[in-house]
Amino acid sequence: MTGLLLPVIVTSIRTRVDGSLSVTVETNELSSSNAGELFSTRGKPSMMYLSPKETISQKEIDQVNEIDAEIDGKTPSQRLRNVIYILFTQQPEGYKEFDAFYKFKMSVITEHLKSKLQP
């Protein structure tokens, strides 16, 4: 699939704990083939080009299609931080601030890995 061009309306923009943004867009009713193409992108790295214009030129479409999507979701360190955050919300172990909890857990992980190293 080279891309799916859909007219959309941005209906919500929210900040997330990890500093990323969650953007919600709505479309008009889609044909079953366009809806299927859209569903096939769920959970996959994709590129999005938003334009406040009514139309997008072929040159702009070609430029977006040429971008190499090196987005694999979150980096391993972002994933680890998010997991530690969820752990903090579920089991704060007496910590009131996430930053202190995060530093403690990272220290525990670092020491655990260091113990696996050969002298």
PDB file of N, CA and C in Angstrom:
ATOM      1  N   MET A   1       0.846  -1.177   0.000  1.00  0.00           N
ATOM      2  CA  MET A   1       0.000   0.000   0.000  1.00  0.00           C
ATOM      3  C   MET A   1       0.891   1.239   0.000  1.00  0.00           C
ATOM      4  N   THR A   2       0.687   2.142  -0.946  1.00  0.00           N
ATOM      5  CA  THR A   2       1.509   3.342  -1.010  1.00  0.00           C
ATOM      6  C   THR A   2       0.969   4.447  -0.121  1.00  0.00           C
ATOM      7  N   GLY A   3      -0.272   4.421   0.197  1.00  0.00           N
ATOM      8  CA  GLY A   3      -0.835   5.447   1.059  1.00  0.00           C
ATOM      9  C   GLY A   3      -2.330   5.532   0.885  1.00  0.00           C
ATOM     10  N   LEU A   4      -2.965   6.163   1.819  1.00  0.00           N
ATOM     11  CA  LEU A   4      -4.405   6.319   1.818  1.00  0.00           C
ATOM     12  C   LEU A   4      -4.692   7.784   2.065  1.00  0.00           C
ATOM     13  N   LEU A   5      -5.288   8.443   1.111  1.00  0.00           N
ATOM     14  CA  LEU A   5      -5.579   9.862   1.225  1.00  0.00           C
ATOM     15  C   LEU A   5      -7.039  10.018   1.638  1.00  0.00           C
ATOM     16  N   LEU A   6      -7.264  10.581   2.817  1.00  0.00           N
ATOM     17  CA  LEU A   6      -8.610  10.745   3.358  1.00  0.00           C
ATOM     18  C   LEU A   6      -8.799  12.159   3.879  1.00  0.00           C
ATOM     19  N   PRO A   7      -9.949  12.764   3.629  1.00  0.00           N
ATOM     20  CA  PRO A   7     -10.248  14.027   4.304  1.00  0.00           C
ATOM     21  C   PRO A   7     -10.618  13.720   5.759  1.00  0.00           C
ATOM     22  N   VAL A   8     -10.017  14.434   6.692  1.00  0.00           N
ATOM     23  CA  VAL A   8     -10.262  14.181   8.115  1.00  0.00           C
ATOM     24  C   VAL A   8     -10.453  15.495   8.856  1.00  0.00           C
ATOM     25  N   ILE A   9     -10.991  15.371  10.053  1.00  0.00           N
ATOM     26  CA  ILE A   9     -11.097  16.494  10.984  1.00  0.00           C
ATOM     27  C   ILE A   9     -10.395  16.052  12.267  1.00  0.00           C
ATOM     28  N   VAL A  10      -9.446  16.855  12.738  1.00  0.00           N
ATOM     29  CA  VAL A  10      -8.783  16.559  14.018  1.00  0.00           C
ATOM     30  C   VAL A  10      -9.771  16.947  15.107  1.00  0.00           C
ATOM     31  N   THR A  11     -10.183  15.953  15.897  1.00  0.00           N
ATOM     32  CA  THR A  11     -11.202  16.205  16.919  1.00  0.00           C
ATOM     33  C   THR A  11     -10.638  16.256  18.329  1.00  0.00           C
ATOM     34  N   SER A  12      -9.421  15.743  18.514  1.00  0.00           N
ATOM     35  CA  SER A  12      -8.861  15.750  19.858  1.00  0.00           C
ATOM     36  C   SER A  12      -7.346  15.614  19.783  1.00  0.00           C
ATOM     37  N   ILE A  13      -6.657  16.370  20.634  1.00  0.00           N
ATOM     38  CA  ILE A  13      -5.210  16.243  20.801  1.00  0.00           C
ATOM     39  C   ILE A  13      -4.956  16.203  22.301  1.00  0.00           C
ATOM     40  N   ARG A  14      -4.299  15.134  22.749  1.00  0.00           N
ATOM     41  CA  ARG A  14      -4.017  14.977  24.173  1.00  0.00           C
ATOM     42  C   ARG A  14      -2.534  14.697  24.369  1.00  0.00           C
ATOM     43  N   THR A  15      -1.995  15.207  25.465  1.00  0.00           N
ATOM     44  CA  THR A  15      -0.618  14.871  25.819  1.00  0.00           C
ATOM     45  C   THR A  15      -0.637  13.585  26.626  1.00  0.00           C
ATOM     46  N   ARG A  16       0.442  12.831  26.496  1.00  0.00           N
ATOM     47  CA  ARG A  16       0.550  11.568  27.223  1.00  0.00           C
ATOM     48  C   ARG A  16       1.672  11.678  28.233  1.00  0.00           C
ATOM     49  N   VAL A  17       1.705  10.770  29.172  1.00  0.00           N
ATOM     50  CA  VAL A  17       2.684  10.792  30.261  1.00  0.00           C
ATOM     51  C   VAL A  17       4.108  10.802  29.733  1.00  0.00           C
ATOM     52  N   ASP A  18       4.365  10.066  28.648  1.00  0.00           N
ATOM     53  CA  ASP A  18       5.727   9.959  28.132  1.00  0.00           C
ATOM     54  C   ASP A  18       6.128  11.132  27.240  1.00  0.00           C
ATOM     55  N   GLY A  19       5.265  12.160  27.141  1.00  0.00           N
ATOM     56  CA  GLY A  19       5.582  13.338  26.334  1.00  0.00           C
ATOM     57  C   GLY A  19       5.085  13.260  24.907  1.00  0.00           C
ATOM     58  N   SER A  20       4.596  12.101  24.486  1.00  0.00           N
ATOM     59  CA  SER A  20       4.057  11.981  23.130  1.00  0.00           C
ATOM     60  C   SER A  20       2.649  12.575  23.097  1.00  0.00           C
ATOM     61  N   LEU A  21       2.075  12.647  21.913  1.00  0.00           N
ATOM     62  CA  LEU A  21       0.727  13.167  21.758  1.00  0.00           C
ATOM     63  C   LEU A  21      -0.181  12.081  21.208  1.00  0.00           C
ATOM     64  N   SER A  22      -1.422  12.121  21.588  1.00  0.00           N
ATOM     65  CA  SER A  22      -2.451  11.252  21.025  1.00  0.00           C
ATOM     66  C   SER A  22      -3.366  12.149  20.208  1.00  0.00           C
ATOM     67  N   VAL A  23      -3.484  11.856  18.917  1.00  0.00           N
ATOM     68  CA  VAL A  23      -4.297  12.672  18.016  1.00  0.00           C
ATOM     69  C   VAL A  23      -5.457  11.827  17.522  1.00  0.00           C
ATOM     70  N   THR A  24      -6.667  12.336  17.681  1.00  0.00           N
ATOM     71  CA  THR A  24      -7.853  11.641  17.196  1.00  0.00           C
ATOM     72  C   THR A  24      -8.374  12.383  15.979  1.00  0.00           C
ATOM     73  N   VAL A  25      -8.588  11.634  14.904  1.00  0.00           N
ATOM     74  CA  VAL A  25      -9.155  12.212  13.690  1.00  0.00           C
ATOM     75  C   VAL A  25     -10.430  11.464  13.344  1.00  0.00           C
ATOM     76  N   GLU A  26     -11.346  12.158  12.682  1.00  0.00           N
ATOM     77  CA  GLU A  26     -12.583  11.541  12.225  1.00  0.00           C
ATOM     78  C   GLU A  26     -12.684  11.725  10.724  1.00  0.00           C
ATOM     79  N   THR A  27     -13.252  10.719  10.073  1.00  0.00           N
ATOM     80  CA  THR A  27     -13.457  10.763   8.627  1.00  0.00           C
ATOM     81  C   THR A  27     -14.948  10.772   8.340  1.00  0.00           C
ATOM     82  N   ASN A  28     -15.271  11.077   7.102  1.00  0.00           N
ATOM     83  CA  ASN A  28     -16.639  10.846   6.646  1.00  0.00           C
ATOM     84  C   ASN A  28     -16.814   9.342   6.516  1.00  0.00           C
ATOM     85  N   GLU A  29     -18.000   8.902   6.141  1.00  0.00           N
ATOM     86  CA  GLU A  29     -18.221   7.480   5.913  1.00  0.00           C
ATOM     87  C   GLU A  29     -17.284   7.018   4.801  1.00  0.00           C
ATOM     88  N   LEU A  30     -16.634   5.866   5.008  1.00  0.00           N
ATOM     89  CA  LEU A  30     -15.657   5.357   4.056  1.00  0.00           C
ATOM     90  C   LEU A  30     -16.224   4.170   3.291  1.00  0.00           C
ATOM     91  N   SER A  31     -15.710   3.988   2.084  1.00  0.00           N
ATOM     92  CA  SER A  31     -16.041   2.773   1.331  1.00  0.00           C
ATOM     93  C   SER A  31     -15.431   1.595   2.083  1.00  0.00           C
ATOM     94  N   SER A  32     -15.937   0.402   1.819  1.00  0.00           N
ATOM     95  CA  SER A  32     -15.408  -0.764   2.532  1.00  0.00           C
ATOM     96  C   SER A  32     -13.937  -0.989   2.198  1.00  0.00           C
ATOM     97  N   SER A  33     -13.515  -0.675   0.964  1.00  0.00           N
ATOM     98  CA  SER A  33     -12.103  -0.876   0.625  1.00  0.00           C
ATOM     99  C   SER A  33     -11.221   0.142   1.359  1.00  0.00           C
ATOM    100  N   ASN A  34     -11.637   1.415   1.428  1.00  0.00           N
ATOM    101  CA  ASN A  34     -10.860   2.414   2.171  1.00  0.00           C
ATOM    102  C   ASN A  34     -10.850   2.096   3.662  1.00  0.00           C
ATOM    103  N   ALA A  35     -11.984   1.655   4.194  1.00  0.00           N
ATOM    104  CA  ALA A  35     -12.043   1.294   5.615  1.00  0.00           C
ATOM    105  C   ALA A  35     -11.100   0.120   5.884  1.00  0.00           C
ATOM    106  N   GLY A  36     -11.079  -0.854   4.979  1.00  0.00           N
ATOM    107  CA  GLY A  36     -10.175  -1.995   5.138  1.00  0.00           C
ATOM    108  C   GLY A  36      -8.724  -1.569   5.114  1.00  0.00           C
ATOM    109  N   GLU A  37      -8.384  -0.661   4.198  1.00  0.00           N
ATOM    110  CA  GLU A  37      -7.002  -0.146   4.145  1.00  0.00           C
ATOM    111  C   GLU A  37      -6.645   0.582   5.430  1.00  0.00           C
ATOM    112  N   LEU A  38      -7.582   1.366   5.940  1.00  0.00           N
ATOM    113  CA  LEU A  38      -7.332   2.102   7.180  1.00  0.00           C
ATOM    114  C   LEU A  38      -7.138   1.134   8.343  1.00  0.00           C
ATOM    115  N   PHE A  39      -7.994   0.123   8.449  1.00  0.00           N
ATOM    116  CA  PHE A  39      -7.846  -0.866   9.524  1.00  0.00           C
ATOM    117  C   PHE A  39      -6.529  -1.621   9.405  1.00  0.00           C
ATOM    118  N   SER A  40      -6.023  -1.803   8.189  1.00  0.00           N
ATOM    119  CA  SER A  40      -4.768  -2.540   8.026  1.00  0.00           C
ATOM    120  C   SER A  40      -3.571  -1.776   8.580  1.00  0.00           C
ATOM    121  N   THR A  41      -3.726  -0.483   8.845  1.00  0.00           N
ATOM    122  CA  THR A  41      -2.627   0.307   9.409  1.00  0.00           C
ATOM    123  C   THR A  41      -2.580   0.254  10.933  1.00  0.00           C
ATOM    124  N   ARG A  42      -3.614  -0.301  11.554  1.00  0.00           N
ATOM    125  CA  ARG A  42      -3.690  -0.327  13.019  1.00  0.00           C
ATOM    126  C   ARG A  42      -2.468  -1.024  13.609  1.00  0.00           C
ATOM    127  N   GLY A  43      -1.802  -0.338  14.528  1.00  0.00           N
ATOM    128  CA  GLY A  43      -0.645  -0.906  15.219  1.00  0.00           C
ATOM    129  C   GLY A  43       0.634  -0.936  14.401  1.00  0.00           C
ATOM    130  N   LYS A  44       0.616  -0.349  13.208  1.00  0.00           N
ATOM    131  CA  LYS A  44       1.807  -0.358  12.360  1.00  0.00           C
ATOM    132  C   LYS A  44       2.385   1.054  12.271  1.00  0.00           C
ATOM    133  N   PRO A  45       3.707   1.157  12.208  1.00  0.00           N
ATOM    134  CA  PRO A  45       4.294   2.482  12.000  1.00  0.00           C
ATOM    135  C   PRO A  45       3.804   3.060  10.681  1.00  0.00           C
ATOM    136  N   SER A  46       3.388   4.292  10.708  1.00  0.00           N
ATOM    137  CA  SER A  46       2.857   4.961   9.519  1.00  0.00           C
ATOM    138  C   SER A  46       3.294   6.408   9.535  1.00  0.00           C
ATOM    139  N   MET A  47       3.160   7.051   8.405  1.00  0.00           N
ATOM    140  CA  MET A  47       3.431   8.481   8.307  1.00  0.00           C
ATOM    141  C   MET A  47       2.103   9.180   8.091  1.00  0.00           C
ATOM    142  N   MET A  48       1.968  10.390   8.627  1.00  0.00           N
ATOM    143  CA  MET A  48       0.744  11.155   8.433  1.00  0.00           C
ATOM    144  C   MET A  48       1.124  12.571   8.023  1.00  0.00           C
ATOM    145  N   TYR A  49       0.433  13.054   7.024  1.00  0.00           N
ATOM    146  CA  TYR A  49       0.646  14.417   6.564  1.00  0.00           C
ATOM    147  C   TYR A  49      -0.675  15.150   6.726  1.00  0.00           C
ATOM    148  N   LEU A  50      -0.692  16.202   7.520  1.00  0.00           N
ATOM    149  CA  LEU A  50      -1.898  16.998   7.706  1.00  0.00           C
ATOM    150  C   LEU A  50      -1.743  18.318   6.979  1.00  0.00           C
ATOM    151  N   SER A  51      -2.779  18.696   6.298  1.00  0.00           N
ATOM    152  CA  SER A  51      -2.770  19.973   5.612  1.00  0.00           C
ATOM    153  C   SER A  51      -4.101  20.666   5.857  1.00  0.00           C
ATOM    154  N   PRO A  52      -4.078  21.940   6.212  1.00  0.00           N
ATOM    155  CA  PRO A  52      -5.335  22.642   6.437  1.00  0.00           C
ATOM    156  C   PRO A  52      -6.045  23.015   5.128  1.00  0.00           C
ATOM    157  N   LYS A  53      -5.462  22.603   4.014  1.00  0.00           N
ATOM    158  CA  LYS A  53      -6.047  22.923   2.720  1.00  0.00           C
ATOM    159  C   LYS A  53      -7.143  21.917   2.370  1.00  0.00           C
ATOM    160  N   GLU A  54      -7.942  22.270   1.382  1.00  0.00           N
ATOM    161  CA  GLU A  54      -8.993  21.368   0.904  1.00  0.00           C
ATOM    162  C   GLU A  54      -8.414  20.261   0.027  1.00  0.00           C
ATOM    163  N   THR A  55      -7.270  20.528  -0.610  1.00  0.00           N
ATOM    164  CA  THR A  55      -6.679  19.529  -1.505  1.00  0.00           C
ATOM    165  C   THR A  55      -5.185  19.413  -1.224  1.00  0.00           C
ATOM    166  N   ILE A  56      -4.632  18.281  -1.623  1.00  0.00           N
ATOM    167  CA  ILE A  56      -3.196  18.043  -1.506  1.00  0.00           C
ATOM    168  C   ILE A  56      -2.693  17.740  -2.908  1.00  0.00           C
ATOM    169  N   SER A  57      -1.601  18.370  -3.295  1.00  0.00           N
ATOM    170  CA  SER A  57      -1.070  18.179  -4.643  1.00  0.00           C
ATOM    171  C   SER A  57      -0.401  16.816  -4.782  1.00  0.00           C
ATOM    172  N   GLN A  58      -0.257  16.352  -5.998  1.00  0.00           N
ATOM    173  CA  GLN A  58       0.420  15.080  -6.247  1.00  0.00           C
ATOM    174  C   GLN A  58       1.864  15.155  -5.779  1.00  0.00           C
ATOM    175  N   LYS A  59       2.491  16.326  -5.931  1.00  0.00           N
ATOM    176  CA  LYS A  59       3.869  16.494  -5.467  1.00  0.00           C
ATOM    177  C   LYS A  59       3.960  16.252  -3.960  1.00  0.00           C
ATOM    178  N   GLU A  60       2.999  16.785  -3.197  1.00  0.00           N
ATOM    179  CA  GLU A  60       2.996  16.580  -1.750  1.00  0.00           C
ATOM    180  C   GLU A  60       2.769  15.106  -1.407  1.00  0.00           C
ATOM    181  N   ILE A  61       1.866  14.454  -2.106  1.00  0.00           N
ATOM    182  CA  ILE A  61       1.606  13.031  -1.885  1.00  0.00           C
ATOM    183  C   ILE A  61       2.868  12.230  -2.162  1.00  0.00           C
ATOM    184  N   ASP A  62       3.542  12.545  -3.276  1.00  0.00           N
ATOM    185  CA  ASP A  62       4.779  11.831  -3.628  1.00  0.00           C
ATOM    186  C   ASP A  62       5.853  12.027  -2.565  1.00  0.00           C
ATOM    187  N   GLN A  63       5.964  13.254  -2.034  1.00  0.00           N
ATOM    188  CA  GLN A  63       6.961  13.523  -0.997  1.00  0.00           C
ATOM    189  C   GLN A  63       6.698  12.690   0.243  1.00  0.00           C
ATOM    190  N   VAL A  64       5.451  12.585   0.643  1.00  0.00           N
ATOM    191  CA  VAL A  64       5.108  11.786   1.826  1.00  0.00           C
ATOM    192  C   VAL A  64       5.381  10.318   1.559  1.00  0.00           C
ATOM    193  N   ASN A  65       5.031   9.832   0.368  1.00  0.00           N
ATOM    194  CA  ASN A  65       5.240   8.421   0.038  1.00  0.00           C
ATOM    195  C   ASN A  65       6.724   8.057  -0.023  1.00  0.00           C
ATOM    196  N   GLU A  66       7.596   9.041  -0.263  1.00  0.00           N
ATOM    197  CA  GLU A  66       9.031   8.778  -0.339  1.00  0.00           C
ATOM    198  C   GLU A  66       9.706   8.717   1.027  1.00  0.00           C
ATOM    199  N   ILE A  67       9.009   9.169   2.058  1.00  0.00           N
ATOM    200  CA  ILE A  67       9.600   9.164   3.397  1.00  0.00           C
ATOM    201  C   ILE A  67       9.728   7.730   3.873  1.00  0.00           C
ATOM    202  N   ASP A  68      10.914   7.391   4.359  1.00  0.00           N
ATOM    203  CA  ASP A  68      11.155   6.061   4.905  1.00  0.00           C
ATOM    204  C   ASP A  68      10.720   6.074   6.360  1.00  0.00           C
ATOM    205  N   ALA A  69       9.642   5.388   6.649  1.00  0.00           N
ATOM    206  CA  ALA A  69       9.110   5.379   8.013  1.00  0.00           C
ATOM    207  C   ALA A  69       9.979   4.509   8.903  1.00  0.00           C
ATOM    208  N   GLU A  70      10.936   5.140   9.560  1.00  0.00           N
ATOM    209  CA  GLU A  70      11.813   4.416  10.472  1.00  0.00           C
ATOM    210  C   GLU A  70      11.242   4.435  11.876  1.00  0.00           C
ATOM    211  N   ILE A  71       9.943   4.601  11.952  1.00  0.00           N
ATOM    212  CA  ILE A  71       9.289   4.653  13.251  1.00  0.00           C
ATOM    213  C   ILE A  71       8.919   3.238  13.641  1.00  0.00           C
ATOM    214  N   ASP A  72       9.504   2.731  14.673  1.00  0.00           N
ATOM    215  CA  ASP A  72       9.150   1.404  15.167  1.00  0.00           C
ATOM    216  C   ASP A  72       8.349   1.550  16.447  1.00  0.00           C
ATOM    217  N   GLY A  73       7.532   2.563  16.513  1.00  0.00           N
ATOM    218  CA  GLY A  73       6.829   2.801  17.762  1.00  0.00           C
ATOM    219  C   GLY A  73       7.764   3.483  18.724  1.00  0.00           C
ATOM    220  N   LYS A  74       7.739   3.041  19.941  1.00  0.00           N
ATOM    221  CA  LYS A  74       8.581   3.645  20.966  1.00  0.00           C
ATOM    222  C   LYS A  74       9.959   3.006  20.966  1.00  0.00           C
ATOM    223  N   THR A  75      10.947   3.784  21.383  1.00  0.00           N
ATOM    224  CA  THR A  75      12.295   3.242  21.530  1.00  0.00           C
ATOM    225  C   THR A  75      12.292   2.272  22.706  1.00  0.00           C
ATOM    226  N   PRO A  76      13.273   1.377  22.774  1.00  0.00           N
ATOM    227  CA  PRO A  76      13.331   0.472  23.923  1.00  0.00           C
ATOM    228  C   PRO A  76      13.376   1.214  25.267  1.00  0.00           C
ATOM    229  N   SER A  77      14.085   2.330  25.326  1.00  0.00           N
ATOM    230  CA  SER A  77      14.148   3.070  26.590  1.00  0.00           C
ATOM    231  C   SER A  77      12.799   3.711  26.922  1.00  0.00           C
ATOM    232  N   GLN A  78      12.053   4.168  25.895  1.00  0.00           N
ATOM    233  CA  GLN A  78      10.722   4.720  26.146  1.00  0.00           C
ATOM    234  C   GLN A  78       9.775   3.634  26.644  1.00  0.00           C
ATOM    235  N   ARG A  79       9.882   2.448  26.051  1.00  0.00           N
ATOM    236  CA  ARG A  79       9.034   1.338  26.494  1.00  0.00           C
ATOM    237  C   ARG A  79       9.336   0.974  27.944  1.00  0.00           C
ATOM    238  N   LEU A  80      10.635   0.912  28.287  1.00  0.00           N
ATOM    239  CA  LEU A  80      11.009   0.575  29.660  1.00  0.00           C
ATOM    240  C   LEU A  80      10.491   1.636  30.625  1.00  0.00           C
ATOM    241  N   ARG A  81      10.652   2.905  30.288  1.00  0.00           N
ATOM    242  CA  ARG A  81      10.157   3.979  31.159  1.00  0.00           C
ATOM    243  C   ARG A  81       8.649   3.867  31.343  1.00  0.00           C
ATOM    244  N   ASN A  82       7.921   3.558  30.269  1.00  0.00           N
ATOM    245  CA  ASN A  82       6.462   3.418  30.375  1.00  0.00           C
ATOM    246  C   ASN A  82       6.075   2.247  31.274  1.00  0.00           C
ATOM    247  N   VAL A  83       6.806   1.147  31.158  1.00  0.00           N
ATOM    248  CA  VAL A  83       6.530  -0.012  32.013  1.00  0.00           C
ATOM    249  C   VAL A  83       6.803   0.339  33.469  1.00  0.00           C
ATOM    250  N   ILE A  84       7.895   1.036  33.724  1.00  0.00           N
ATOM    251  CA  ILE A  84       8.210   1.444  35.098  1.00  0.00           C
ATOM    252  C   ILE A  84       7.133   2.398  35.618  1.00  0.00           C
ATOM    253  N   TYR A  85       6.622   3.256  34.759  1.00  0.00           N
ATOM    254  CA  TYR A  85       5.554   4.172  35.184  1.00  0.00           C
ATOM    255  C   TYR A  85       4.295   3.391  35.581  1.00  0.00           C
ATOM    256  N   ILE A  86       3.932   2.415  34.772  1.00  0.00           N
ATOM    257  CA  ILE A  86       2.751   1.606  35.102  1.00  0.00           C
ATOM    258  C   ILE A  86       2.974   0.869  36.418  1.00  0.00           C
ATOM    259  N   LEU A  87       4.185   0.337  36.603  1.00  0.00           N
ATOM    260  CA  LEU A  87       4.517  -0.312  37.870  1.00  0.00           C
ATOM    261  C   LEU A  87       4.361   0.668  39.031  1.00  0.00           C
ATOM    262  N   PHE A  88       4.819   1.910  38.833  1.00  0.00           N
ATOM    263  CA  PHE A  88       4.696   2.940  39.861  1.00  0.00           C
ATOM    264  C   PHE A  88       3.226   3.200  40.211  1.00  0.00           C
ATOM    265  N   THR A  89       2.356   3.239  39.193  1.00  0.00           N
ATOM    266  CA  THR A  89       0.931   3.491  39.468  1.00  0.00           C
ATOM    267  C   THR A  89       0.285   2.318  40.192  1.00  0.00           C
ATOM    268  N   GLN A  90       0.800   1.112  39.965  1.00  0.00           N
ATOM    269  CA  GLN A  90       0.218  -0.071  40.586  1.00  0.00           C
ATOM    270  C   GLN A  90       0.845  -0.402  41.939  1.00  0.00           C
ATOM    271  N   GLN A  91       2.153  -0.210  42.042  1.00  0.00           N
ATOM    272  CA  GLN A  91       2.885  -0.546  43.271  1.00  0.00           C
ATOM    273  C   GLN A  91       3.953   0.508  43.535  1.00  0.00           C
ATOM    274  N   PRO A  92       3.592   1.640  44.099  1.00  0.00           N
ATOM    275  CA  PRO A  92       4.563   2.734  44.263  1.00  0.00           C
ATOM    276  C   PRO A  92       5.649   2.470  45.299  1.00  0.00           C
ATOM    277  N   GLU A  93       5.537   1.414  46.082  1.00  0.00           N
ATOM    278  CA  GLU A  93       6.555   1.037  47.061  1.00  0.00           C
ATOM    279  C   GLU A  93       6.936   2.194  47.980  1.00  0.00           C
ATOM    280  N   GLY A  94       5.969   3.028  48.345  1.00  0.00           N
ATOM    281  CA  GLY A  94       6.212   4.135  49.260  1.00  0.00           C
ATOM    282  C   GLY A  94       6.672   5.424  48.600  1.00  0.00           C
ATOM    283  N   TYR A  95       6.984   5.384  47.307  1.00  0.00           N
ATOM    284  CA  TYR A  95       7.413   6.598  46.600  1.00  0.00           C
ATOM    285  C   TYR A  95       6.204   7.453  46.259  1.00  0.00           C
ATOM    286  N   LYS A  96       6.373   8.773  46.430  1.00  0.00           N
ATOM    287  CA  LYS A  96       5.289   9.700  46.096  1.00  0.00           C
ATOM    288  C   LYS A  96       5.500  10.336  44.720  1.00  0.00           C
ATOM    289  N   GLU A  97       6.745  10.410  44.280  1.00  0.00           N
ATOM    290  CA  GLU A  97       7.091  11.014  42.995  1.00  0.00           C
ATOM    291  C   GLU A  97       7.616   9.958  42.041  1.00  0.00           C
ATOM    292  N   PHE A  98       7.165  10.009  40.797  1.00  0.00           N
ATOM    293  CA  PHE A  98       7.610   9.028  39.815  1.00  0.00           C
ATOM    294  C   PHE A  98       9.103   9.125  39.551  1.00  0.00           C
ATOM    295  N   ASP A  99       9.661  10.337  39.475  1.00  0.00           N
ATOM    296  CA  ASP A  99      11.088  10.486  39.152  1.00  0.00           C
ATOM    297  C   ASP A  99      11.973   9.721  40.138  1.00  0.00           C
ATOM    298  N   ALA A 100      11.658   9.808  41.419  1.00  0.00           N
ATOM    299  CA  ALA A 100      12.453   9.092  42.423  1.00  0.00           C
ATOM    300  C   ALA A 100      12.288   7.579  42.250  1.00  0.00           C
ATOM    301  N   PHE A 101      11.058   7.132  41.994  1.00  0.00           N
ATOM    302  CA  PHE A 101      10.788   5.714  41.768  1.00  0.00           C
ATOM    303  C   PHE A 101      11.542   5.225  40.538  1.00  0.00           C
ATOM    304  N   TYR A 102      11.509   6.024  39.470  1.00  0.00           N
ATOM    305  CA  TYR A 102      12.183   5.673  38.221  1.00  0.00           C
ATOM    306  C   TYR A 102      13.689   5.523  38.438  1.00  0.00           C
ATOM    307  N   LYS A 103      14.302   6.482  39.118  1.00  0.00           N
ATOM    308  CA  LYS A 103      15.738   6.414  39.380  1.00  0.00           C
ATOM    309  C   LYS A 103      16.090   5.186  40.215  1.00  0.00           C
ATOM    310  N   PHE A 104      15.248   4.872  41.205  1.00  0.00           N
ATOM    311  CA  PHE A 104      15.487   3.701  42.035  1.00  0.00           C
ATOM    312  C   PHE A 104      15.415   2.431  41.192  1.00  0.00           C
ATOM    313  N   LYS A 105      14.358   2.290  40.387  1.00  0.00           N
ATOM    314  CA  LYS A 105      14.184   1.079  39.574  1.00  0.00           C
ATOM    315  C   LYS A 105      15.295   0.947  38.534  1.00  0.00           C
ATOM    316  N   MET A 106      15.714   2.049  37.956  1.00  0.00           N
ATOM    317  CA  MET A 106      16.811   2.001  36.981  1.00  0.00           C
ATOM    318  C   MET A 106      18.109   1.578  37.663  1.00  0.00           C
ATOM    319  N   SER A 107      18.298   2.022  38.888  1.00  0.00           N
ATOM    320  CA  SER A 107      19.479   1.613  39.652  1.00  0.00           C
ATOM    321  C   SER A 107      19.435   0.104  39.926  1.00  0.00           C
ATOM    322  N   VAL A 108      18.256  -0.410  40.282  1.00  0.00           N
ATOM    323  CA  VAL A 108      18.096  -1.842  40.533  1.00  0.00           C
ATOM    324  C   VAL A 108      18.388  -2.634  39.260  1.00  0.00           C
ATOM    325  N   ILE A 109      17.849  -2.185  38.135  1.00  0.00           N
ATOM    326  CA  ILE A 109      18.069  -2.871  36.855  1.00  0.00           C
ATOM    327  C   ILE A 109      19.548  -2.828  36.477  1.00  0.00           C
ATOM    328  N   THR A 110      20.182  -1.677  36.647  1.00  0.00           N
ATOM    329  CA  THR A 110      21.600  -1.522  36.319  1.00  0.00           C
ATOM    330  C   THR A 110      22.459  -2.451  37.171  1.00  0.00           C
ATOM    331  N   GLU A 111      22.188  -2.487  38.464  1.00  0.00           N
ATOM    332  CA  GLU A 111      22.959  -3.353  39.355  1.00  0.00           C
ATOM    333  C   GLU A 111      22.750  -4.828  39.011  1.00  0.00           C
ATOM    334  N   HIS A 112      21.532  -5.188  38.656  1.00  0.00           N
ATOM    335  CA  HIS A 112      21.246  -6.571  38.266  1.00  0.00           C
ATOM    336  C   HIS A 112      22.067  -6.941  37.030  1.00  0.00           C
ATOM    337  N   LEU A 113      22.090  -6.063  36.027  1.00  0.00           N
ATOM    338  CA  LEU A 113      22.859  -6.356  34.809  1.00  0.00           C
ATOM    339  C   LEU A 113      24.359  -6.349  35.072  1.00  0.00           C
ATOM    340  N   LYS A 114      24.813  -5.448  35.918  1.00  0.00           N
ATOM    341  CA  LYS A 114      26.237  -5.420  36.265  1.00  0.00           C
ATOM    342  C   LYS A 114      26.670  -6.713  36.951  1.00  0.00           C
ATOM    343  N   SER A 115      25.764  -7.317  37.722  1.00  0.00           N
ATOM    344  CA  SER A 115      26.120  -8.555  38.415  1.00  0.00           C
ATOM    345  C   SER A 115      26.289  -9.720  37.426  1.00  0.00           C
ATOM    346  N   LYS A 116      25.781  -9.562  36.225  1.00  0.00           N
ATOM    347  CA  LYS A 116      25.906 -10.606  35.201  1.00  0.00           C
ATOM    348  C   LYS A 116      27.221 -10.493  34.426  1.00  0.00           C
ATOM    349  N   LEU A 117      27.929  -9.373  34.589  1.00  0.00           N
ATOM    350  CA  LEU A 117      29.177  -9.163  33.850  1.00  0.00           C
ATOM    351  C   LEU A 117      30.307  -9.991  34.444  1.00  0.00           C
ATOM    352  N   GLN A 118      31.206 -10.411  33.588  1.00  0.00           N
ATOM    353  CA  GLN A 118      32.382 -11.120  34.065  1.00  0.00           C
ATOM    354  C   GLN A 118      33.395 -10.138  34.602  1.00  0.00           C
ATOM    355  N   PRO A 119      34.128 -10.520  35.662  1.00  0.00           N
ATOM    356  CA  PRO A 119      35.107  -9.596  36.234  1.00  0.00           C
ATOM    357  C   PRO A 119      36.281  -9.346  35.316  1.00  0.00           C
TER     358      PRO A 119
END
